Structures are given as C-alpha cells and as structure tokens.
Amino acid sequence: MADVDKDRKEFWSSQPAVLDSMVLCDNPLFQEADTDYMVQNLPPIANKSVLELGAGIGRLTGEIAKKAKDITAVDFMQHFLDVNKVNNRHMSNITYICDDFTKFQIDKKYDLVVSAWLFVNTKDEVVDKMIGLVLEWLQPGGYFTFRESGPYDEDVPMRFKQNFFHHRTPFKLHQLLGGVVKDGHTLTITRCKNSRFSMKYDHDIAAAVTEVFYVAKKVPIELVLASTLPLTTISCSYLKMGVVAGWQVLVVGCGTGALVFHIASTYGADVLGVNFTIKDFNAAVIHQKCSPDIASLILFEMIVAVEEADYGAECFDVILIQETQLMMNDPTKLFANIRVRIDLAYCLTYPCVA
C-alpha cells in the first residue's frame, strides 16, 4: 500500500511557490475569481481572530489580515510560507507557523478557522481528529469555513487526480462534522454554496458544480439534537410569469431543485435555489451535474435559517417562496437581505406537494 502521507509531502514539496500551485489551475481568471469568492463568502471578520490552515503563499492571508484583528497562517511547506511572508510583509498582524495541520498545537482560541481544500488532503482516519482540533481552536459560536472539491461518481477534476486526495460529497462532510463532539459542542453546517465561476472557467461542468464553499458553526450539541429543519420534496406545476433569458430568479425553499431546473431549462433564466437541508443540497447538486446544458445557469445554496441569507450584492427579478417558508419563518427576516428590481419584480408563493 502506498504511503499516503509521504506522497502528499513529496507532491507539495515539488510544487513551486506560485499561485498556479495553490489552486492547481493555471487559468488566471479562475485564480482571481476563486480568491474573491472565498473572501466574499467569509463570515464577518472585522476585529476577529482568524486561524488559516493551509495558508500557502498567502492568497487569502493578506485579504483576511486587512480586516481581521489578527491571523495565524499555518502551512507544512516552509517555501510556501516564505513567499507568504514576503507577499504580506507590510502586515503586522500575521503570525506564521510551519507545521502539519494534523499535528501542531496552539492554546489560542479563534473566532474563525478558514481553509481551502483541507479535507481533500486529509485521509479518512485523520478527519475525526482534524474536526476535533478545529472545535478545540474555535470560540463557542465561532465559524469554520472551508472550500472543497467533492466529485460525484467518477467526476474528479484533473488537478485533483492524486492518490492522496480524498473527495467527499456535501452530505458526507455534513455527517463527518456532526459526528464529532468535543466539550459538549459540535460543528453544524449553516450554509454551503457551489460556485458559478467554476462552471464558467472549468470546461468539465460535471466536476465544476461540485466545488463547494461551506460555513459551519460551533454550537452546543443540544441545539443540534433539538432542531427540526424542514425537509421537503417539491413537485410544482408550470409557472407562467413572463420570465426571459437573463432574468435573475430566487427560489426559496427549493428542496431538491425541481422548480429551479424547470425555470432554467424553460426560460433560460439564471436561478439561485435556496434549500434548508444538506440532504436536499446534495441531491440538487447531483441533479445539476447530470444537466450540463443548463448547469451554468443554476446555483444552489443551503442555509439552516433565513437569518443566514445575505444577498446584499445581488438583485432579483423574480422571487419564488415556498408557502411553508412564510408560515415557518418571520417574513420580515426572509426579505431583510433580499434586493429586487422594483420596476420588474414579482414575488410569488408556490405550494409544496408531497
């Protein structure tokens, strides 16, 4: 059997300390979009303490340091950290640690732990330990954000075809995080989102849709055990709302995505489908992978509560809301962070048919 840890170290030791190596992609448009996407989707970091695992040459380190109180950048490749230090030498709030993220110890507590492709570099038997360490490093109520590429079936991006890479679905990651309890706390995924830019710059649509950004929160285990999240399967009749190609449509409570796929395929509109369970998100992305003709028009996001939604930078022509969401949630919270084009906007409710 191959020595996976040895292979991992040899692979990264052989990679030059340049941006191409950090994302294993030489497309500058992908590199820029990926970095922006990671930064824009972070929880609020102003005056927060941040731990970055797998900091590399600092593509995220410097951006986070601009707003955070302080950041600890960890990587097990010294030549990566050397470049990170040079790139961010004007920043005085960065601490650098060269160590394997599965082995290093630190007493400090953080408000946010952030990583890109952490679990894909972590073998199964180490994942539980890694999650336990993240829980240990986080303050109660702190966030763990991570970006992963988890293929479905055989869809593995070429840049991740290494024997030490471990690809996992959103549902599998949800199970792994929720399966670790430390000092009465666990990690629960509050939001996850696949990226439209990956579909734009990666010709392999089936693989690109599985690149997902996750936000998890450290919460008391009793809150998870007591929660009752809506789990729905949606069967919808045809909607005739005059939608045309180029319109931006938001579907709240989309379940496994039936209405989302109908709107994208019938009208050619760009659709953001919001669902409320990792199981529905997982099923929707699998369906998206099987629909390459319209996959680039569709984006899915999972949130556990309407308060987690933040669409301040986006604007919608049509908003469709499942009826049960208006009954289960405070409508003022549902609409608080949603912008519409007032002269065009429609807001409709639709039934959930079991």
Protein backbone atom coordinates (compact mmCIF):
# COMPACT_ATOMS: atom_id res chain seq x y z
CA MET A 1 0.00 0.00 0.00
CA ALA A 2 1.30 3.46 -0.88
CA ASP A 3 2.46 5.76 1.92
CA VAL A 4 -0.18 8.46 1.50
CA ASP A 5 1.46 10.96 3.89
CA LYS A 6 4.79 10.53 2.12
CA ASP A 7 3.14 11.00 -1.29
CA ARG A 8 1.34 14.12 -0.05
CA LYS A 9 4.54 15.69 1.28
CA GLU A 10 6.52 14.80 -1.83
CA PHE A 11 3.84 16.25 -4.10
CA TRP A 12 3.59 19.60 -2.30
CA SER A 13 7.36 19.79 -1.84
CA SER A 14 7.70 19.55 -5.61
CA GLN A 15 5.24 22.39 -6.26
CA PRO A 16 6.72 25.86 -6.87
CA ALA A 17 5.57 28.66 -4.57
CA VAL A 18 3.28 30.31 -7.13
CA LEU A 19 -0.47 30.85 -7.38
CA ASP A 20 -0.87 28.13 -10.02
CA SER A 21 0.24 25.56 -7.44
CA MET A 22 -2.12 26.82 -4.74
CA VAL A 23 -5.26 26.13 -6.80
CA LEU A 24 -3.70 23.57 -9.17
CA CYS A 25 -5.00 25.62 -12.08
CA ASP A 26 -3.08 27.97 -14.38
CA ASN A 27 -6.13 29.96 -15.52
CA PRO A 28 -5.66 33.47 -14.03
CA LEU A 29 -9.39 34.18 -14.32
CA PHE A 30 -10.15 31.12 -12.19
CA GLN A 31 -7.46 32.08 -9.68
CA GLU A 32 -8.80 35.61 -9.22
CA ALA A 33 -12.44 34.51 -9.09
CA ASP A 34 -11.71 31.73 -6.62
CA THR A 35 -9.87 34.05 -4.23
CA ASP A 36 -12.60 36.71 -4.43
CA TYR A 37 -15.27 34.06 -3.90
CA MET A 38 -13.58 32.74 -0.76
CA VAL A 39 -13.14 36.20 0.76
CA GLN A 40 -16.63 37.46 -0.10
CA ASN A 41 -18.32 34.44 1.49
CA LEU A 42 -16.49 34.59 4.82
CA PRO A 43 -18.49 35.43 7.95
CA PRO A 44 -17.81 38.94 9.34
CA ILE A 45 -14.11 39.13 10.24
CA ALA A 46 -13.68 42.73 11.39
CA ASN A 47 -11.69 42.74 14.65
CA LYS A 48 -11.79 38.92 14.78
CA SER A 49 -9.00 36.43 15.41
CA VAL A 50 -8.57 34.05 12.46
CA LEU A 51 -6.69 30.77 12.01
CA GLU A 52 -5.87 29.84 8.39
CA LEU A 53 -5.00 26.21 7.71
CA GLY A 54 -3.05 25.52 4.53
CA ALA A 55 -2.18 29.20 4.09
CA GLY A 56 0.24 28.57 1.23
CA ILE A 57 1.74 31.67 -0.37
CA GLY A 58 -0.93 33.90 1.17
CA ARG A 59 -3.60 34.44 -1.46
CA LEU A 60 -6.17 34.61 1.37
CA THR A 61 -3.87 35.58 4.24
CA GLY A 62 -3.35 39.17 3.14
CA GLU A 63 -7.00 39.76 2.27
CA ILE A 64 -8.13 38.49 5.67
CA ALA A 65 -5.43 40.46 7.50
CA LYS A 66 -6.80 43.71 6.06
CA LYS A 67 -9.94 43.37 8.21
CA ALA A 68 -9.21 40.87 10.97
CA LYS A 69 -7.70 41.72 14.34
CA ASP A 70 -5.05 39.08 13.77
CA ILE A 71 -4.46 35.94 11.72
CA THR A 72 -2.33 32.85 12.31
CA ALA A 73 -1.20 31.34 8.98
CA VAL A 74 -0.29 27.64 9.09
CA ASP A 75 1.25 25.52 6.34
CA PHE A 76 3.53 22.48 6.34
CA MET A 77 5.61 23.75 3.41
CA GLN A 78 8.21 26.28 4.53
CA HIS A 79 8.90 27.53 0.99
CA PHE A 80 5.21 28.47 0.67
CA LEU A 81 5.26 30.40 3.95
CA ASP A 82 8.48 32.18 2.96
CA VAL A 83 6.67 33.65 -0.06
CA ASN A 84 3.62 34.39 2.10
CA LYS A 85 5.82 36.44 4.43
CA VAL A 86 7.28 38.39 1.51
CA ASN A 87 3.87 39.00 -0.09
CA ASN A 88 2.42 40.26 3.19
CA ARG A 89 5.50 41.87 4.74
CA HIS A 90 3.59 45.15 5.15
CA MET A 91 1.11 43.44 7.52
CA SER A 92 1.96 43.40 11.23
CA ASN A 93 -0.96 41.24 12.43
CA ILE A 94 0.11 37.91 10.88
CA THR A 95 1.76 35.04 12.78
CA TYR A 96 3.32 32.22 10.75
CA ILE A 97 3.59 28.57 11.81
CA CYS A 98 5.22 25.86 9.69
CA ASP A 99 3.72 22.55 10.77
CA ASP A 100 1.38 19.78 9.64
CA PHE A 101 -2.18 20.88 10.37
CA THR A 102 -2.96 17.46 11.86
CA LYS A 103 -0.15 17.71 14.40
CA PHE A 104 0.52 21.27 15.53
CA GLN A 105 -0.76 22.56 18.87
CA ILE A 106 -1.77 26.05 19.91
CA ASP A 107 -3.50 27.30 23.04
CA LYS A 108 -5.22 30.31 21.49
CA LYS A 109 -8.96 30.37 20.69
CA TYR A 110 -10.17 31.81 17.39
CA ASP A 111 -13.38 33.37 16.09
CA LEU A 112 -12.88 31.83 12.66
CA VAL A 113 -10.93 28.91 11.21
CA VAL A 114 -10.63 29.07 7.42
CA SER A 115 -9.18 26.67 4.88
CA ALA A 116 -9.27 25.79 1.20
CA TRP A 117 -9.16 22.12 0.21
CA LEU A 118 -8.25 20.98 3.73
CA PHE A 119 -10.26 17.76 3.85
CA VAL A 120 -9.31 16.74 0.32
CA ASN A 121 -5.75 16.49 1.70
CA THR A 122 -6.85 14.53 4.78
CA LYS A 123 -7.28 10.76 4.83
CA ASP A 124 -10.38 9.27 6.43
CA GLU A 125 -8.76 8.05 9.64
CA VAL A 126 -7.43 11.56 10.36
CA VAL A 127 -10.62 13.51 9.60
CA ASP A 128 -12.23 12.98 13.02
CA LYS A 129 -9.06 14.16 14.74
CA MET A 130 -8.91 17.19 12.46
CA ILE A 131 -12.52 18.16 13.21
CA GLY A 132 -11.85 17.74 16.94
CA LEU A 133 -8.90 20.11 16.66
CA VAL A 134 -11.00 22.71 14.83
CA LEU A 135 -13.58 22.51 17.64
CA GLU A 136 -10.78 22.93 20.17
CA TRP A 137 -9.40 26.01 18.39
CA LEU A 138 -12.78 27.74 17.96
CA GLN A 139 -14.52 30.01 20.42
CA PRO A 140 -18.14 28.94 21.22
CA GLY A 141 -20.24 30.35 18.39
CA GLY A 142 -17.16 30.60 16.17
CA TYR A 143 -17.17 29.66 12.49
CA PHE A 144 -15.26 27.16 10.39
CA THR A 145 -15.28 27.94 6.67
CA PHE A 146 -13.82 25.60 4.10
CA ARG A 147 -13.74 25.08 0.37
CA GLU A 148 -13.81 21.53 -1.00
CA SER A 149 -14.00 19.80 -4.37
CA GLY A 150 -16.10 16.71 -3.88
CA PRO A 151 -16.90 14.77 -7.05
CA TYR A 152 -19.91 12.59 -7.57
CA ASP A 153 -19.30 9.20 -9.10
CA GLU A 154 -16.24 9.42 -11.35
CA ASP A 155 -16.16 13.21 -11.75
CA VAL A 156 -12.77 14.23 -10.41
CA PRO A 157 -11.17 17.43 -11.78
CA MET A 158 -7.85 16.58 -13.39
CA ARG A 159 -5.98 18.85 -10.98
CA PHE A 160 -7.14 16.64 -8.10
CA LYS A 161 -6.17 13.26 -9.58
CA GLN A 162 -3.61 12.33 -6.92
CA ASN A 163 -3.70 9.18 -4.83
CA PHE A 164 -3.65 11.14 -1.56
CA PHE A 165 -6.67 13.30 -2.43
CA HIS A 166 -9.93 12.26 -0.76
CA HIS A 167 -13.14 13.55 -2.34
CA ARG A 168 -16.33 13.67 -0.30
CA THR A 169 -19.90 14.76 -1.05
CA PRO A 170 -21.59 17.58 0.92
CA PHE A 171 -23.73 15.02 2.73
CA LYS A 172 -20.64 13.02 3.71
CA LEU A 173 -18.92 16.14 5.05
CA HIS A 174 -22.08 17.02 6.97
CA GLN A 175 -22.02 13.59 8.58
CA LEU A 176 -18.32 13.85 9.43
CA LEU A 177 -18.62 17.25 11.07
CA GLY A 178 -21.75 16.35 13.01
CA GLY A 179 -20.23 13.08 14.18
CA VAL A 180 -17.59 14.75 16.37
CA VAL A 181 -18.47 16.21 19.79
CA LYS A 182 -15.91 17.97 21.98
CA ASP A 183 -16.66 19.56 25.36
CA GLY A 184 -20.39 19.47 24.61
CA HIS A 185 -20.05 21.24 21.24
CA THR A 186 -20.20 20.14 17.62
CA LEU A 187 -19.90 21.71 14.17
CA THR A 188 -23.06 22.13 12.13
CA ILE A 189 -23.07 23.36 8.53
CA THR A 190 -25.15 26.54 8.37
CA ARG A 191 -24.50 27.41 4.75
CA CYS A 192 -22.96 25.86 1.66
CA LYS A 193 -22.84 27.10 -1.90
CA ASN A 194 -21.42 25.89 -5.19
CA SER A 195 -19.75 28.43 -7.46
CA ARG A 196 -20.91 29.66 -10.83
CA PHE A 197 -17.41 30.88 -11.75
CA SER A 198 -16.07 27.31 -11.52
CA MET A 199 -18.57 26.32 -14.20
CA LYS A 200 -17.51 29.31 -16.29
CA TYR A 201 -13.78 28.61 -16.22
CA ASP A 202 -13.77 24.82 -15.95
CA HIS A 203 -14.85 23.05 -19.14
CA ASP A 204 -15.77 19.95 -17.12
CA ILE A 205 -19.19 21.12 -15.90
CA ALA A 206 -19.92 17.88 -14.05
CA ALA A 207 -16.80 18.34 -11.93
CA ALA A 208 -17.06 22.11 -11.57
CA VAL A 209 -20.51 22.11 -9.96
CA THR A 210 -19.14 20.05 -7.08
CA GLU A 211 -16.72 22.76 -5.94
CA VAL A 212 -18.49 23.95 -2.80
CA PHE A 213 -17.87 26.58 -0.13
CA TYR A 214 -19.06 25.66 3.37
CA VAL A 215 -19.74 27.64 6.55
CA ALA A 216 -20.02 25.64 9.77
CA LYS A 217 -20.67 26.95 13.28
CA LYS A 218 -19.55 25.65 16.67
CA VAL A 219 -22.74 25.12 18.66
CA PRO A 220 -23.82 23.21 21.81
CA ILE A 221 -24.79 19.67 20.87
CA GLU A 222 -28.22 20.05 22.49
CA LEU A 223 -29.16 22.72 19.94
CA VAL A 224 -28.48 20.29 17.09
CA LEU A 225 -30.39 17.47 18.75
CA ALA A 226 -33.38 19.74 19.36
CA SER A 227 -33.54 21.26 15.88
CA THR A 228 -36.27 20.38 13.41
CA LEU A 229 -35.31 21.58 9.95
CA PRO A 230 -37.83 21.48 7.12
CA LEU A 231 -37.23 18.53 4.78
CA THR A 232 -39.32 18.75 1.62
CA THR A 233 -39.61 17.27 -1.84
CA ILE A 234 -41.18 19.65 -4.27
CA SER A 235 -43.46 18.89 -7.18
CA CYS A 236 -44.53 22.07 -8.93
CA SER A 237 -46.92 22.91 -11.75
CA TYR A 238 -45.74 25.09 -14.63
CA LEU A 239 -45.48 28.76 -13.77
CA LYS A 240 -46.13 31.37 -16.44
CA MET A 241 -44.60 34.60 -15.22
CA GLY A 242 -43.06 36.05 -18.34
CA VAL A 243 -39.52 35.15 -17.38
CA VAL A 244 -36.94 35.65 -20.12
CA ALA A 245 -33.28 34.74 -20.54
CA GLY A 246 -31.03 36.91 -18.41
CA TRP A 247 -33.51 37.40 -15.59
CA GLN A 248 -32.32 36.65 -12.07
CA VAL A 249 -34.66 34.32 -10.18
CA LEU A 250 -34.51 33.38 -6.50
CA VAL A 251 -36.33 30.23 -5.36
CA VAL A 252 -36.59 29.98 -1.55
CA GLY A 253 -37.30 26.50 -0.23
CA CYS A 254 -36.37 24.78 -3.49
CA GLY A 255 -35.88 21.33 -1.97
CA THR A 256 -34.13 19.06 -4.44
CA GLY A 257 -34.49 21.66 -7.20
CA ALA A 258 -37.39 20.61 -9.45
CA LEU A 259 -38.65 24.17 -9.95
CA VAL A 260 -35.11 25.53 -10.34
CA PHE A 261 -34.35 23.15 -13.21
CA HIS A 262 -37.72 23.85 -14.83
CA ILE A 263 -37.16 27.62 -14.86
CA ALA A 264 -33.58 27.36 -16.14
CA SER A 265 -34.43 24.89 -18.91
CA THR A 266 -37.71 26.52 -20.00
CA TYR A 267 -36.86 30.22 -19.78
CA GLY A 268 -33.05 30.35 -19.82
CA ALA A 269 -33.02 32.46 -16.66
CA ASP A 270 -30.26 32.45 -14.05
CA VAL A 271 -31.65 30.76 -10.94
CA LEU A 272 -30.45 30.67 -7.35
CA GLY A 273 -32.16 27.86 -5.45
CA VAL A 274 -32.08 28.01 -1.65
CA ASN A 275 -32.76 24.88 0.36
CA PHE A 276 -32.67 24.16 4.06
CA THR A 277 -31.06 20.75 4.49
CA ILE A 278 -27.74 19.33 3.43
CA LYS A 279 -29.59 16.28 2.10
CA ASP A 280 -31.59 18.42 -0.35
CA PHE A 281 -28.49 20.40 -1.33
CA ASN A 282 -26.62 17.17 -2.02
CA ALA A 283 -29.44 15.81 -4.20
CA ALA A 284 -29.82 19.10 -6.08
CA VAL A 285 -26.11 19.27 -6.97
CA ILE A 286 -26.17 15.66 -8.18
CA HIS A 287 -29.10 16.59 -10.45
CA GLN A 288 -27.19 19.68 -11.62
CA LYS A 289 -24.18 17.53 -12.51
CA CYS A 290 -26.44 15.46 -14.75
CA SER A 291 -27.78 18.57 -16.54
CA PRO A 292 -24.71 20.05 -18.30
CA ASP A 293 -26.78 22.08 -20.79
CA ILE A 294 -28.23 24.29 -18.05
CA ALA A 295 -25.78 23.73 -15.18
CA SER A 296 -24.10 27.11 -15.66
CA LEU A 297 -27.46 28.89 -15.20
CA ILE A 298 -28.05 27.34 -11.79
CA LEU A 299 -26.61 27.95 -8.35
CA PHE A 300 -27.66 26.17 -5.16
CA GLU A 301 -27.22 27.34 -1.61
CA MET A 302 -28.09 25.68 1.70
CA ILE A 303 -28.88 27.73 4.80
CA VAL A 304 -30.29 26.49 8.09
CA ALA A 305 -32.16 29.70 8.91
CA VAL A 306 -33.32 32.72 6.93
CA GLU A 307 -31.11 34.93 9.09
CA GLU A 308 -28.09 33.28 7.43
CA ALA A 309 -29.13 34.57 4.00
CA ASP A 310 -27.21 37.57 2.69
CA TYR A 311 -27.95 38.81 -0.82
CA GLY A 312 -26.91 42.43 -0.40
CA ALA A 313 -24.83 42.42 -3.59
CA GLU A 314 -27.41 40.58 -5.69
CA CYS A 315 -30.61 41.75 -7.32
CA PHE A 316 -33.55 39.60 -8.43
CA ASP A 317 -36.35 39.97 -10.98
CA VAL A 318 -38.47 37.15 -9.58
CA ILE A 319 -38.65 35.68 -6.08
CA LEU A 320 -40.49 32.42 -5.53
CA ILE A 321 -41.10 31.33 -1.96
CA GLN A 322 -42.49 28.01 -0.85
CA GLU A 323 -45.68 28.65 1.13
CA THR A 324 -44.48 26.73 4.16
CA GLN A 325 -41.46 29.02 4.47
CA LEU A 326 -43.71 32.03 5.05
CA MET A 327 -45.54 30.08 7.75
CA MET A 328 -42.40 28.73 9.40
CA ASN A 329 -40.26 31.86 9.22
CA ASP A 330 -40.71 35.53 10.01
CA PRO A 331 -41.33 37.14 6.57
CA THR A 332 -39.51 40.32 7.65
CA LYS A 333 -36.35 38.27 8.20
CA LEU A 334 -36.91 36.42 4.95
CA PHE A 335 -36.91 39.66 2.96
CA ALA A 336 -34.43 41.66 5.05
CA ASN A 337 -31.39 40.81 2.92
CA ILE A 338 -33.04 40.40 -0.49
CA ARG A 339 -32.91 43.15 -3.13
CA VAL A 340 -35.27 43.25 -6.11
CA ARG A 341 -35.61 45.39 -9.20
CA ILE A 342 -38.71 47.24 -8.07
CA ASP A 343 -39.98 48.04 -11.57
CA LEU A 344 -39.88 44.39 -12.66
CA ALA A 345 -40.04 42.24 -9.56
CA TYR A 346 -42.59 39.54 -8.94
CA CYS A 347 -42.88 37.78 -5.60
CA LEU A 348 -44.95 34.60 -5.73
CA THR A 349 -45.59 31.74 -3.37
CA TYR A 350 -45.86 28.17 -4.53
CA PRO A 351 -47.19 25.07 -2.79
CA CYS A 352 -45.22 22.09 -1.60
CA VAL A 353 -46.87 18.97 -2.94
CA ALA A 354 -45.72 15.78 -1.20
